[in-house]
Amino acid sequence: MTNELVTWIEQQLDQLSRENARLLQRLADSERRFRVISQGVLRVQEAERGRISRELHDGVGQALTGLKLQLDVLEREAAAGASPLIARLGELKELTERTLNDVRALSHLLRPQMLDDLGLAPTLRWLTRTFEARARVPVTFEHEGLRERLDPDVEIIVFRVTQEALNNVAKYAEASHVHVGVTCGEARLTLSIEDDGTGFDAGAALRATGEDQGCGVRGMRDRVQLFGGTFALNSVPGHGTRIDVELSLTHADKSGASDTSREQGVVPDES
């Protein structure tokens, strides 16, 4: 092999190396832009949820409250005159009250104002109590270190994951108890949600495609990973389900992706 050929090969390899480096840099830049855009989309979605929630509460909710007050007045007037309409007015008042309660509940679930006003711990306490009353499943909620307000992205991620997990418990788990735990340190927050229900194939749920997206499991995982967190799902049929989430409380980690979700079918520790 001549020196000229060796030199030519070295030049070609060097050129390929530089081109690969440029392509990798472009890929990294594209991933960062995608992450920033996706985070922005989620924030816009949450802002829109908040706007709709306020309109439901302040607009429709207040209108229904006014209607209920007028029906109260008509009911009292009809009762005083022994009107045959009194029974019908009572039915209308009951329907109005049920609708008002539904609107209030929908407003809170879309975007609970208390999350912005009071923070994560009171909102999770409200969420678990509401679930307990609706699903008739006891919930133990424990938290440690939630003494100060957290980054809004962290608070909404924890709320949404807990909300979706509890919805899944209500729909599918047939559980007799749920435990929700949050621990907040200086740099990391951990969330665990565990039930003693029927369980399912965790790996299949994380690989699911289509409308159900594995009962929302992939949506939870993607939301967590988008902001640099880790998501672990442990479940097998007949042995309950446990979700573990870890999120950084430092802004430096929020731009990095995490690929450490675990698609395991491990029975949660009974202890």
Protein backbone atom coordinates (compact mmCIF):
# COMPACT_ATOMS: atom_id res chain seq x y z
CA MET A 1 0.00 0.00 0.00
CA THR A 2 1.47 3.31 -1.06
CA ASN A 3 1.88 6.27 1.24
CA GLU A 4 -0.54 8.23 -0.94
CA LEU A 5 -3.27 5.63 -0.44
CA VAL A 6 -2.70 5.52 3.31
CA THR A 7 -2.89 9.28 3.48
CA TRP A 8 -6.10 9.30 1.42
CA ILE A 9 -7.71 6.69 3.71
CA GLU A 10 -6.72 8.66 6.80
CA GLN A 11 -8.22 11.80 5.30
CA GLN A 12 -11.46 10.00 4.50
CA LEU A 13 -11.69 8.55 8.01
CA ASP A 14 -11.02 11.97 9.49
CA GLN A 15 -13.72 13.48 7.32
CA LEU A 16 -16.19 10.77 8.33
CA SER A 17 -15.33 11.35 11.99
CA ARG A 18 -15.96 15.09 11.68
CA GLU A 19 -19.23 14.47 9.83
CA ASN A 20 -20.40 12.02 12.50
CA ALA A 21 -19.55 14.56 15.19
CA ARG A 22 -21.60 17.22 13.36
CA LEU A 23 -24.53 14.83 12.97
CA LEU A 24 -24.43 13.90 16.65
CA GLN A 25 -24.35 17.56 17.62
CA ARG A 26 -27.30 18.30 15.36
CA LEU A 27 -29.18 15.36 16.89
CA ALA A 28 -28.45 16.59 20.42
CA ASP A 29 -29.58 20.12 19.47
CA SER A 30 -32.78 18.73 17.96
CA GLU A 31 -33.51 16.68 21.08
CA ARG A 32 -33.01 19.75 23.27
CA ARG A 33 -35.33 21.82 21.07
CA PHE A 34 -37.93 19.04 21.10
CA ARG A 35 -37.73 18.84 24.89
CA VAL A 36 -38.14 22.60 25.28
CA ILE A 37 -41.10 22.64 22.88
CA SER A 38 -42.75 19.66 24.60
CA GLN A 39 -42.32 21.23 28.02
CA GLY A 40 -43.85 24.41 26.65
CA VAL A 41 -46.81 22.48 25.24
CA LEU A 42 -47.47 20.88 28.63
CA ARG A 43 -47.30 24.27 30.35
CA VAL A 44 -49.72 25.76 27.82
CA GLN A 45 -52.07 22.82 28.38
CA GLU A 46 -51.99 23.37 32.12
CA ALA A 47 -52.60 27.10 31.66
CA GLU A 48 -55.59 26.35 29.43
CA ARG A 49 -56.91 23.85 31.98
CA GLY A 50 -56.63 26.59 34.58
CA ARG A 51 -58.53 29.06 32.41
CA ILE A 52 -61.35 26.58 31.72
CA SER A 53 -61.43 25.65 35.41
CA ARG A 54 -61.83 29.29 36.45
CA GLU A 55 -64.54 29.87 33.84
CA LEU A 56 -66.46 26.82 35.06
CA HIS A 57 -66.14 27.91 38.68
CA ASP A 58 -66.70 31.64 38.25
CA GLY A 59 -69.12 31.60 35.32
CA VAL A 60 -71.21 28.44 35.21
CA GLY A 61 -70.81 27.78 38.93
CA GLN A 62 -72.02 31.23 39.94
CA ALA A 63 -74.94 31.06 37.48
CA LEU A 64 -76.05 27.74 38.95
CA THR A 65 -75.69 29.13 42.46
CA GLY A 66 -77.95 32.05 41.52
CA LEU A 67 -80.46 29.66 39.96
CA LYS A 68 -80.51 27.54 43.10
CA LEU A 69 -81.17 30.61 45.26
CA GLN A 70 -84.10 31.62 43.03
CA LEU A 71 -85.52 28.10 43.24
CA ASP A 72 -85.25 28.28 47.03
CA VAL A 73 -87.34 31.46 47.00
CA LEU A 74 -89.93 29.96 44.65
CA GLU A 75 -90.11 26.81 46.76
CA ARG A 76 -90.82 28.81 49.92
CA GLU A 77 -93.47 30.89 48.16
CA ALA A 78 -95.10 27.79 46.70
CA ALA A 79 -95.08 26.08 50.09
CA ALA A 80 -96.77 29.07 51.71
CA GLY A 81 -99.56 28.92 49.15
CA ALA A 82 -99.79 25.11 49.07
CA SER A 83 -99.04 25.19 45.36
CA PRO A 84 -99.03 21.88 43.45
CA LEU A 85 -95.76 23.05 41.92
CA ILE A 86 -93.85 22.54 45.17
CA ALA A 87 -92.86 18.94 44.32
CA ARG A 88 -91.63 19.97 40.87
CA LEU A 89 -89.64 22.87 42.33
CA GLY A 90 -88.01 20.49 44.78
CA GLU A 91 -86.91 18.23 41.92
CA LEU A 92 -85.52 21.20 39.99
CA LYS A 93 -83.60 22.40 43.02
CA GLU A 94 -82.12 18.95 43.58
CA LEU A 95 -81.07 18.71 39.90
CA THR A 96 -79.50 22.17 40.08
CA GLU A 97 -77.56 21.27 43.21
CA ARG A 98 -76.24 18.05 41.66
CA THR A 99 -75.18 19.92 38.52
CA LEU A 100 -73.46 22.59 40.61
CA ASN A 101 -71.53 19.93 42.53
CA ASP A 102 -70.51 18.24 39.26
CA VAL A 103 -69.29 21.55 37.81
CA ARG A 104 -67.28 22.30 40.94
CA ALA A 105 -65.71 18.83 40.91
CA LEU A 106 -64.84 19.12 37.21
CA SER A 107 -63.33 22.55 37.81
CA HIS A 108 -61.10 21.23 40.59
CA LEU A 109 -60.00 18.19 38.60
CA LEU A 110 -59.15 20.24 35.52
CA ARG A 111 -56.83 22.44 37.53
CA PRO A 112 -57.34 22.77 41.29
CA GLN A 113 -56.88 26.39 42.30
CA MET A 114 -55.57 25.22 45.65
CA LEU A 115 -52.48 23.83 43.90
CA ASP A 116 -51.55 27.38 42.96
CA ASP A 117 -52.73 28.93 46.21
CA LEU A 118 -51.80 26.39 48.90
CA GLY A 119 -49.27 24.02 47.35
CA LEU A 120 -48.82 20.31 46.86
CA ALA A 121 -49.55 18.77 50.27
CA PRO A 122 -53.04 20.29 50.79
CA THR A 123 -53.97 19.53 47.17
CA LEU A 124 -52.91 15.88 47.40
CA ARG A 125 -54.79 15.59 50.69
CA TRP A 126 -57.92 16.94 48.96
CA LEU A 127 -57.38 14.63 45.96
CA THR A 128 -57.01 11.49 48.09
CA ARG A 129 -60.02 12.36 50.24
CA THR A 130 -62.13 13.04 47.14
CA PHE A 131 -61.04 9.71 45.65
CA GLU A 132 -61.78 7.93 48.92
CA ALA A 133 -65.32 9.32 49.03
CA ARG A 134 -65.98 8.61 45.35
CA ALA A 135 -64.41 5.16 45.00
CA ARG A 136 -65.09 3.93 48.55
CA VAL A 137 -61.45 2.82 48.82
CA PRO A 138 -59.44 3.91 51.90
CA VAL A 139 -56.34 5.96 51.11
CA THR A 140 -53.38 6.63 53.37
CA PHE A 141 -51.57 9.83 52.41
CA GLU A 142 -48.21 10.54 54.03
CA HIS A 143 -45.69 13.23 53.23
CA GLU A 144 -42.36 14.41 54.56
CA GLY A 145 -40.49 17.61 53.84
CA LEU A 146 -43.26 19.45 51.98
CA ARG A 147 -42.90 22.60 54.04
CA GLU A 148 -42.17 25.03 51.21
CA ARG A 149 -43.57 25.65 47.74
CA LEU A 150 -41.89 23.70 44.94
CA ASP A 151 -41.27 24.45 41.30
CA PRO A 152 -44.70 24.61 39.55
CA ASP A 153 -43.62 21.95 37.04
CA VAL A 154 -42.76 19.54 39.86
CA GLU A 155 -46.03 20.19 41.68
CA ILE A 156 -48.20 19.62 38.62
CA ILE A 157 -46.30 16.46 37.62
CA VAL A 158 -46.81 14.93 41.07
CA PHE A 159 -50.47 15.93 41.06
CA ARG A 160 -51.17 14.58 37.56
CA VAL A 161 -49.38 11.26 38.17
CA THR A 162 -51.27 10.77 41.45
CA GLN A 163 -54.55 11.74 39.81
CA GLU A 164 -54.08 9.30 36.92
CA ALA A 165 -52.90 6.49 39.19
CA LEU A 166 -55.95 6.88 41.46
CA ASN A 167 -58.24 6.96 38.42
CA ASN A 168 -56.74 3.65 37.31
CA VAL A 169 -57.25 2.19 40.78
CA ALA A 170 -60.91 3.23 40.72
CA LYS A 171 -61.48 1.79 37.23
CA TYR A 172 -59.47 -1.42 37.23
CA ALA A 173 -57.69 -2.38 40.44
CA GLU A 174 -60.52 -3.62 42.72
CA ALA A 175 -58.26 -2.58 45.58
CA SER A 176 -59.14 -2.44 49.27
CA HIS A 177 -56.45 0.11 50.18
CA VAL A 178 -54.14 2.65 48.52
CA HIS A 179 -51.03 4.30 49.94
CA VAL A 180 -49.70 7.60 48.57
CA GLY A 181 -46.36 8.83 49.91
CA VAL A 182 -44.29 11.91 49.05
CA THR A 183 -40.82 12.62 50.41
CA CYS A 184 -39.09 15.91 49.63
CA GLY A 185 -35.38 16.38 50.24
CA GLU A 186 -33.01 19.19 49.34
CA ALA A 187 -32.43 18.03 45.78
CA ARG A 188 -34.96 15.28 45.02
CA LEU A 189 -38.63 14.50 45.47
CA THR A 190 -39.94 10.94 45.50
CA LEU A 191 -43.55 9.86 45.00
CA SER A 192 -44.90 6.36 45.58
CA ILE A 193 -48.42 5.10 44.93
CA GLU A 194 -49.23 1.54 45.92
CA ASP A 195 -52.44 -0.48 45.91
CA ASP A 196 -53.34 -4.05 46.87
CA GLY A 197 -55.56 -4.63 43.86
CA THR A 198 -55.60 -7.10 41.01
CA GLY A 199 -52.45 -5.83 39.31
CA PHE A 200 -51.63 -6.19 35.61
CA ASP A 201 -48.80 -6.84 33.15
CA ALA A 202 -46.57 -3.80 33.70
CA GLY A 203 -44.39 -4.39 30.66
CA ALA A 204 -47.39 -4.69 28.33
CA ALA A 205 -48.89 -1.48 29.73
CA LEU A 206 -45.68 0.47 29.11
CA ARG A 207 -45.44 -0.89 25.57
CA ALA A 208 -49.11 -0.28 24.77
CA THR A 209 -50.08 1.88 21.81
CA GLY A 210 -53.37 3.27 20.67
CA GLU A 211 -56.00 5.31 22.45
CA ASP A 212 -55.71 3.69 25.87
CA GLN A 213 -51.90 4.02 25.99
CA GLY A 214 -51.79 1.36 28.67
CA CYS A 215 -54.43 2.98 30.89
CA GLY A 216 -52.45 6.22 30.90
CA VAL A 217 -49.25 4.60 32.18
CA ARG A 218 -47.18 5.75 29.22
CA GLY A 219 -48.56 9.26 29.59
CA MET A 220 -47.44 9.34 33.22
CA ARG A 221 -44.02 7.99 32.33
CA ASP A 222 -43.52 10.40 29.42
CA ARG A 223 -44.54 13.42 31.50
CA VAL A 224 -42.08 12.46 34.24
CA GLN A 225 -39.21 11.74 31.85
CA LEU A 226 -39.80 14.91 29.86
CA PHE A 227 -38.76 16.89 32.93
CA GLY A 228 -35.78 14.69 33.70
CA GLY A 229 -37.38 12.39 36.27
CA THR A 230 -37.45 8.61 36.66
CA PHE A 231 -40.58 6.46 36.52
CA ALA A 232 -40.82 2.86 37.74
CA LEU A 233 -43.89 0.64 37.48
CA ASN A 234 -43.98 -2.66 39.38
CA SER A 235 -47.01 -4.91 38.99
CA VAL A 236 -48.07 -8.44 38.13
CA PRO A 237 -51.60 -9.83 37.90
CA GLY A 238 -53.00 -10.68 41.31
CA HIS A 239 -50.39 -8.86 43.38
CA GLY A 240 -51.18 -5.14 43.32
CA THR A 241 -49.34 -2.26 41.72
CA ARG A 242 -46.68 0.22 42.79
CA ILE A 243 -45.56 3.37 40.98
CA ASP A 244 -42.36 5.15 41.99
CA VAL A 245 -41.39 8.57 40.67
CA GLU A 246 -38.28 10.61 41.39
CA LEU A 247 -37.92 14.23 40.32
CA SER A 248 -35.07 16.69 40.58
CA LEU A 249 -35.68 19.89 42.53
CA THR A 250 -32.74 21.63 40.87
CA HIS A 251 -33.13 23.44 37.57
CA ALA A 252 -29.88 21.97 36.25
CA ASP A 253 -31.36 18.50 35.85
CA LYS A 254 -34.61 19.55 34.20
CA SER A 255 -33.23 19.73 30.68
CA GLY A 256 -31.86 16.20 30.64
CA ALA A 257 -33.78 13.15 29.60
CA SER A 258 -34.05 10.09 31.74
CA ASP A 259 -34.23 6.61 30.29
CA THR A 260 -34.27 4.76 33.59
CA SER A 261 -37.93 3.73 33.68
CA ARG A 262 -38.22 0.06 34.55
CA GLU A 263 -40.69 -2.20 32.76
CA GLN A 264 -40.79 -4.82 35.47
CA GLY A 265 -43.32 -7.34 36.66
CA VAL A 266 -42.14 -7.42 40.26
CA VAL A 267 -44.44 -7.96 43.19
CA PRO A 268 -44.18 -4.94 45.51
CA ASP A 269 -42.53 -5.52 48.86
CA GLU A 270 -45.24 -6.48 51.34
CA SER A 271 -43.44 -4.70 54.15
